Amino acid sequence: MAPTRRRPGKFGIDEELLTPESLDFPNIKITGIHIHLKSQVLDADTLCRYYENCFDLGRRINALPGVCIEFINFGSGIGTVYDKACEEPLDFDRIALTVKKLAKLNETTLRGKLIFETGRFLVCNAGTYYTKIADKKVSRGRTYLIVENGLNGFLRPAVAQLLRNNMGSYPETGDIVAVTNAGSYGLTLSPAMFSSHRPPKEFLL
C-alpha cells in the first residue's frame, strides 16, 4: 500500500506527535483511538482505504510503550444519498468485505473492539424540515425567499442548495416549504436563538 500523504487537520492530534517521550504521563493510559477524517463519503473504495489506514494506525500506536489499544473508533460516519439524480448509494457489499477482513486481522493482532459510526446514515432521509415563507425579496433580478425559520432549526447548507435548485417556480408568501433529508444534524446542531426567531418544534411520526 502506498504511503498516505499527511495533511494538516483540525481534529485530534498529529500521529508524529505520539512519541515515547510525549506519552510519559504516569497517570494516563491510552486504551483506544478515535479518528475522524471526512464525512459523507459515498465512494466505497475511499472509505475502505480509510478503514484500513485507521486499523494500521491503531497497530502502530499499540506498539508504543505504555499503550494498550482496546478499541478503535473509525469515526467519520456513513454517507447517505441526498440527491438520487446525481449521487450513488454506498456499496455496502464492498464495505462488508473490508470490515470482515479487518475483523479477522483484529482477532490475531489487536483483539480490540472495532467501532464503525453510522453518522447521519440512519436518520437523515427520515426527517423533513417545514417552514413558512414570510416574504419575497427581488434583488437585481434574483428572487430570495424570506422564511420564518432558517438556520436556527436546520443549519446544514443543504437548505440553501435545495431551495435554489429544486423549487421550480418560486412559492408565494404564506406557502409552506418542505426540505427533505433533514433527519440528522437538525435542531441540536443549530443556533436556536439566531435572530430571535421562534424556536422550531420537533414532531415524531
Foldseek 3Di string as FASTA:
>chain_A
DDDDDDDDDPDDDDLVCDALVNPPDPVDAAAEEEDADAAQDQELVVVLVLVVVQLVSVQVSCPHPRYQHQEYESDRAAHDDPDPVPDDHHDVVSVVVSVVVSVVVCVVGRVHYYHYHHALPPFQQVDKDKWFFADWDDDPHDIDTHTLDDQLWQVDPVVVVCCVPPCPPDDDGGDMDIRGSRRPCTNVVGNNCPPNGDGDDDDDD
